[in-house]
Amino acid sequence: MPVTTSHAPFAISPQHREVASGEVNLAIARDWADSLGVPVAYLYADNADLAEVILAFGLLPESEQRRLALELKARVSPPATRTRPAHKARARPRTG
C-alpha cells in the first residue's frame, strides 16, 4: 500500500542527484531532510520503492521500527540450522 504523504518518492530529484553524486555533505543532506520532513536515508534511496519504504518506516514509532526491523531481518536471513545435542546411549541391563 503506498504511503500517503505530501512527498512522492523522488519529488526532489535535483537534490537527490546531488546527494547521490557525493556533491553534498551529510550536514546539508540532514538540513534538506529536515526541511522536507523525510528521513535522511530517503534522499539516498536508489529507487522509488525503497524511498517509499524508508519514508513509511520513518513515520512509525521507534518501538514499531525495532519490531519491523527484526521481522525483516528474520525474513532475509538464512534459517538457523539446528543441531541436536548428541544423546548418550543408555546402557541396557544384562539379563541372564
N, C-alpha and C. Protein backbone atom coordinates (compact mmCIF):
# COMPACT_ATOMS: atom_id res chain seq x y z
N MET A 1 0.84 -1.16 0.00
CA MET A 1 0.00 0.00 0.00
C MET A 1 0.89 1.23 0.00
N PRO A 2 0.72 2.16 -0.92
CA PRO A 2 1.56 3.35 -0.97
C PRO A 2 1.35 4.23 0.25
N VAL A 3 2.40 4.88 0.65
CA VAL A 3 2.34 5.80 1.77
C VAL A 3 1.76 7.11 1.26
N THR A 4 0.78 7.63 1.97
CA THR A 4 0.17 8.89 1.56
C THR A 4 0.81 10.01 2.34
N THR A 5 1.63 10.78 1.67
CA THR A 5 2.26 11.95 2.27
C THR A 5 2.31 13.03 1.22
N SER A 6 2.79 14.18 1.62
CA SER A 6 2.92 15.26 0.65
C SER A 6 4.16 15.09 -0.22
N HIS A 7 4.96 14.06 0.08
CA HIS A 7 6.20 13.84 -0.66
C HIS A 7 6.10 12.56 -1.47
N ALA A 8 6.10 12.67 -2.76
CA ALA A 8 6.17 11.49 -3.60
C ALA A 8 7.62 11.07 -3.70
N PRO A 9 7.91 9.78 -3.81
CA PRO A 9 9.31 9.37 -3.96
C PRO A 9 9.97 10.11 -5.11
N PHE A 10 11.14 10.61 -4.84
CA PHE A 10 11.97 11.31 -5.81
C PHE A 10 11.35 12.62 -6.31
N ALA A 11 10.46 13.20 -5.54
CA ALA A 11 9.92 14.50 -5.92
C ALA A 11 11.01 15.56 -5.86
N ILE A 12 12.11 15.23 -5.22
CA ILE A 12 13.21 16.17 -5.06
C ILE A 12 14.41 15.73 -5.90
N SER A 13 14.15 15.27 -7.09
CA SER A 13 15.20 14.65 -7.89
C SER A 13 16.44 15.51 -8.13
N PRO A 14 16.37 16.84 -8.31
CA PRO A 14 17.62 17.58 -8.48
C PRO A 14 18.53 17.44 -7.25
N GLN A 15 17.95 17.55 -6.06
CA GLN A 15 18.74 17.38 -4.84
C GLN A 15 19.21 15.93 -4.72
N HIS A 16 18.33 15.01 -5.08
CA HIS A 16 18.70 13.59 -5.00
C HIS A 16 19.93 13.32 -5.84
N ARG A 17 19.97 13.87 -7.02
CA ARG A 17 21.14 13.66 -7.89
C ARG A 17 22.40 14.22 -7.25
N GLU A 18 22.30 15.39 -6.62
CA GLU A 18 23.47 15.98 -5.97
C GLU A 18 23.93 15.12 -4.81
N VAL A 19 22.99 14.62 -4.02
CA VAL A 19 23.34 13.77 -2.89
C VAL A 19 23.99 12.49 -3.39
N ALA A 20 23.37 11.87 -4.39
CA ALA A 20 23.87 10.59 -4.91
C ALA A 20 25.25 10.74 -5.51
N SER A 21 25.54 11.88 -6.10
CA SER A 21 26.85 12.06 -6.73
C SER A 21 27.93 12.44 -5.73
N GLY A 22 27.55 12.63 -4.46
CA GLY A 22 28.54 12.95 -3.44
C GLY A 22 28.91 14.42 -3.39
N GLU A 23 28.17 15.27 -4.09
CA GLU A 23 28.46 16.69 -4.10
C GLU A 23 27.99 17.40 -2.84
N VAL A 24 27.18 16.73 -2.05
CA VAL A 24 26.60 17.35 -0.87
C VAL A 24 27.07 16.60 0.37
N ASN A 25 27.46 17.35 1.39
CA ASN A 25 27.88 16.66 2.61
C ASN A 25 26.68 16.29 3.46
N LEU A 26 26.90 15.49 4.45
CA LEU A 26 25.82 14.96 5.27
C LEU A 26 25.06 16.05 6.00
N ALA A 27 25.73 17.09 6.43
CA ALA A 27 25.04 18.18 7.14
C ALA A 27 24.00 18.84 6.25
N ILE A 28 24.33 19.04 5.01
CA ILE A 28 23.37 19.65 4.07
C ILE A 28 22.24 18.68 3.80
N ALA A 29 22.56 17.40 3.63
CA ALA A 29 21.52 16.40 3.41
C ALA A 29 20.56 16.36 4.59
N ARG A 30 21.10 16.47 5.82
CA ARG A 30 20.23 16.49 7.01
C ARG A 30 19.33 17.72 7.00
N ASP A 31 19.88 18.86 6.60
CA ASP A 31 19.05 20.08 6.51
C ASP A 31 17.92 19.88 5.51
N TRP A 32 18.24 19.32 4.35
CA TRP A 32 17.21 19.07 3.33
C TRP A 32 16.13 18.13 3.87
N ALA A 33 16.59 17.03 4.49
CA ALA A 33 15.64 16.05 5.02
C ALA A 33 14.75 16.68 6.08
N ASP A 34 15.34 17.47 6.97
CA ASP A 34 14.54 18.14 8.00
C ASP A 34 13.52 19.08 7.39
N SER A 35 13.93 19.85 6.40
CA SER A 35 13.00 20.81 5.79
C SER A 35 11.90 20.10 5.00
N LEU A 36 12.18 18.92 4.49
CA LEU A 36 11.18 18.16 3.73
C LEU A 36 10.36 17.24 4.62
N GLY A 37 10.81 17.03 5.86
CA GLY A 37 10.11 16.13 6.76
C GLY A 37 10.28 14.67 6.39
N VAL A 38 11.45 14.31 5.87
CA VAL A 38 11.74 12.93 5.48
C VAL A 38 13.02 12.47 6.17
N PRO A 39 13.20 11.15 6.32
CA PRO A 39 14.47 10.65 6.85
C PRO A 39 15.62 10.92 5.87
N VAL A 40 16.81 11.12 6.37
CA VAL A 40 17.98 11.36 5.51
C VAL A 40 18.15 10.22 4.50
N ALA A 41 17.92 9.01 4.93
CA ALA A 41 18.08 7.85 4.04
C ALA A 41 17.20 7.95 2.81
N TYR A 42 16.07 8.63 2.93
CA TYR A 42 15.16 8.82 1.79
C TYR A 42 15.88 9.50 0.63
N LEU A 43 16.75 10.44 0.96
CA LEU A 43 17.48 11.17 -0.08
C LEU A 43 18.49 10.29 -0.81
N TYR A 44 18.89 9.20 -0.19
CA TYR A 44 19.90 8.32 -0.77
C TYR A 44 19.30 7.07 -1.42
N ALA A 45 17.99 6.89 -1.35
CA ALA A 45 17.35 5.70 -1.92
C ALA A 45 17.61 5.66 -3.42
N ASP A 46 17.92 4.48 -3.94
CA ASP A 46 18.24 4.39 -5.37
C ASP A 46 17.08 3.94 -6.23
N ASN A 47 15.89 3.77 -5.64
CA ASN A 47 14.70 3.52 -6.45
C ASN A 47 13.46 3.96 -5.67
N ALA A 48 12.37 4.13 -6.37
CA ALA A 48 11.15 4.67 -5.77
C ALA A 48 10.57 3.76 -4.70
N ASP A 49 10.64 2.44 -4.90
CA ASP A 49 10.09 1.52 -3.90
C ASP A 49 10.86 1.63 -2.59
N LEU A 50 12.17 1.67 -2.67
CA LEU A 50 12.98 1.79 -1.47
C LEU A 50 12.70 3.12 -0.78
N ALA A 51 12.57 4.19 -1.54
CA ALA A 51 12.26 5.51 -0.96
C ALA A 51 10.93 5.46 -0.21
N GLU A 52 9.95 4.79 -0.78
CA GLU A 52 8.64 4.69 -0.15
C GLU A 52 8.71 3.90 1.14
N VAL A 53 9.49 2.81 1.15
CA VAL A 53 9.65 2.01 2.36
C VAL A 53 10.37 2.82 3.44
N ILE A 54 11.41 3.53 3.06
CA ILE A 54 12.15 4.36 4.02
C ILE A 54 11.23 5.41 4.63
N LEU A 55 10.43 6.04 3.80
CA LEU A 55 9.52 7.08 4.28
C LEU A 55 8.49 6.48 5.24
N ALA A 56 7.91 5.36 4.89
CA ALA A 56 6.92 4.72 5.76
C ALA A 56 7.55 4.27 7.07
N PHE A 57 8.74 3.70 7.00
CA PHE A 57 9.44 3.23 8.20
C PHE A 57 9.71 4.40 9.14
N GLY A 58 10.11 5.54 8.57
CA GLY A 58 10.41 6.72 9.38
C GLY A 58 9.19 7.30 10.08
N LEU A 59 8.01 7.01 9.58
CA LEU A 59 6.79 7.52 10.19
C LEU A 59 6.32 6.67 11.38
N LEU A 60 6.88 5.48 11.52
CA LEU A 60 6.48 4.58 12.61
C LEU A 60 7.14 4.99 13.92
N PRO A 61 6.49 4.68 15.06
CA PRO A 61 7.14 4.89 16.36
C PRO A 61 8.37 3.98 16.48
N GLU A 62 9.34 4.37 17.29
CA GLU A 62 10.59 3.61 17.41
C GLU A 62 10.35 2.15 17.78
N SER A 63 9.41 1.89 18.68
CA SER A 63 9.16 0.51 19.08
C SER A 63 8.69 -0.33 17.89
N GLU A 64 7.86 0.26 17.05
CA GLU A 64 7.38 -0.44 15.86
C GLU A 64 8.50 -0.60 14.83
N GLN A 65 9.39 0.39 14.75
CA GLN A 65 10.55 0.28 13.85
C GLN A 65 11.42 -0.89 14.25
N ARG A 66 11.67 -1.03 15.56
CA ARG A 66 12.51 -2.15 16.04
C ARG A 66 11.86 -3.49 15.70
N ARG A 67 10.54 -3.59 15.95
CA ARG A 67 9.84 -4.84 15.69
C ARG A 67 9.89 -5.18 14.20
N LEU A 68 9.63 -4.20 13.36
CA LEU A 68 9.63 -4.43 11.92
C LEU A 68 11.03 -4.76 11.42
N ALA A 69 12.05 -4.09 11.96
CA ALA A 69 13.43 -4.38 11.56
C ALA A 69 13.79 -5.82 11.88
N LEU A 70 13.41 -6.28 13.06
CA LEU A 70 13.69 -7.67 13.43
C LEU A 70 12.95 -8.64 12.51
N GLU A 71 11.71 -8.32 12.19
CA GLU A 71 10.92 -9.17 11.31
C GLU A 71 11.55 -9.24 9.90
N LEU A 72 11.97 -8.10 9.40
CA LEU A 72 12.60 -8.09 8.06
C LEU A 72 13.92 -8.86 8.06
N LYS A 73 14.71 -8.68 9.10
CA LYS A 73 15.97 -9.41 9.20
C LYS A 73 15.73 -10.91 9.21
N ALA A 74 14.70 -11.33 9.94
CA ALA A 74 14.38 -12.75 10.02
C ALA A 74 13.94 -13.28 8.65
N ARG A 75 13.25 -12.47 7.89
CA ARG A 75 12.76 -12.91 6.57
C ARG A 75 13.89 -13.07 5.56
N VAL A 76 14.94 -12.26 5.67
CA VAL A 76 16.01 -12.32 4.68
C VAL A 76 17.21 -13.13 5.15
N SER A 77 17.26 -13.48 6.42
CA SER A 77 18.37 -14.27 6.94
C SER A 77 18.15 -15.74 6.62
N PRO A 78 19.23 -16.45 6.35
CA PRO A 78 19.07 -17.89 6.13
C PRO A 78 18.60 -18.53 7.43
N PRO A 79 17.79 -19.57 7.32
CA PRO A 79 17.30 -20.22 8.55
C PRO A 79 18.45 -20.79 9.35
N ALA A 80 18.35 -20.65 10.63
CA ALA A 80 19.39 -21.19 11.51
C ALA A 80 19.32 -22.71 11.47
N THR A 81 20.47 -23.31 11.38
CA THR A 81 20.50 -24.78 11.38
C THR A 81 20.51 -25.24 12.82
N ARG A 82 19.60 -26.09 13.11
CA ARG A 82 19.53 -26.62 14.47
C ARG A 82 20.38 -27.86 14.57
N THR A 83 21.18 -27.87 15.56
CA THR A 83 21.96 -29.08 15.81
C THR A 83 21.46 -29.66 17.12
N ARG A 84 21.17 -30.90 17.07
CA ARG A 84 20.70 -31.57 18.26
C ARG A 84 21.90 -32.01 19.08
N PRO A 85 21.76 -31.91 20.38
CA PRO A 85 22.85 -32.42 21.21
C PRO A 85 22.92 -33.94 21.05
N ALA A 86 24.12 -34.45 21.07
CA ALA A 86 24.29 -35.91 20.93
C ALA A 86 23.72 -36.59 22.16
N HIS A 87 22.92 -37.62 21.92
CA HIS A 87 22.35 -38.38 23.03
C HIS A 87 23.30 -39.52 23.38
N LYS A 88 23.49 -39.67 24.66
CA LYS A 88 24.33 -40.77 25.12
C LYS A 88 23.52 -42.06 25.05
N ALA A 89 24.14 -43.09 24.57
CA ALA A 89 23.46 -44.39 24.51
C ALA A 89 23.25 -44.90 25.92
N ARG A 90 22.05 -45.35 26.17
CA ARG A 90 21.77 -45.90 27.51
C ARG A 90 22.32 -47.33 27.59
N ALA A 91 22.86 -47.61 28.70
CA ALA A 91 23.33 -48.98 28.91
C ALA A 91 22.13 -49.86 29.19
N ARG A 92 22.03 -50.95 28.47
CA ARG A 92 20.91 -51.87 28.69
C ARG A 92 21.28 -52.84 29.79
N PRO A 93 20.33 -53.08 30.64
CA PRO A 93 20.61 -54.05 31.72
C PRO A 93 20.81 -55.45 31.13
N ARG A 94 21.78 -56.14 31.66
CA ARG A 94 22.04 -57.51 31.18
C ARG A 94 21.05 -58.47 31.80
N THR A 95 20.59 -59.36 31.00
CA THR A 95 19.69 -60.37 31.52
C THR A 95 20.38 -61.72 31.38
N GLY A 96 20.21 -62.51 32.32
CA GLY A 96 20.64 -63.85 32.13
C GLY A 96 21.57 -64.46 32.96
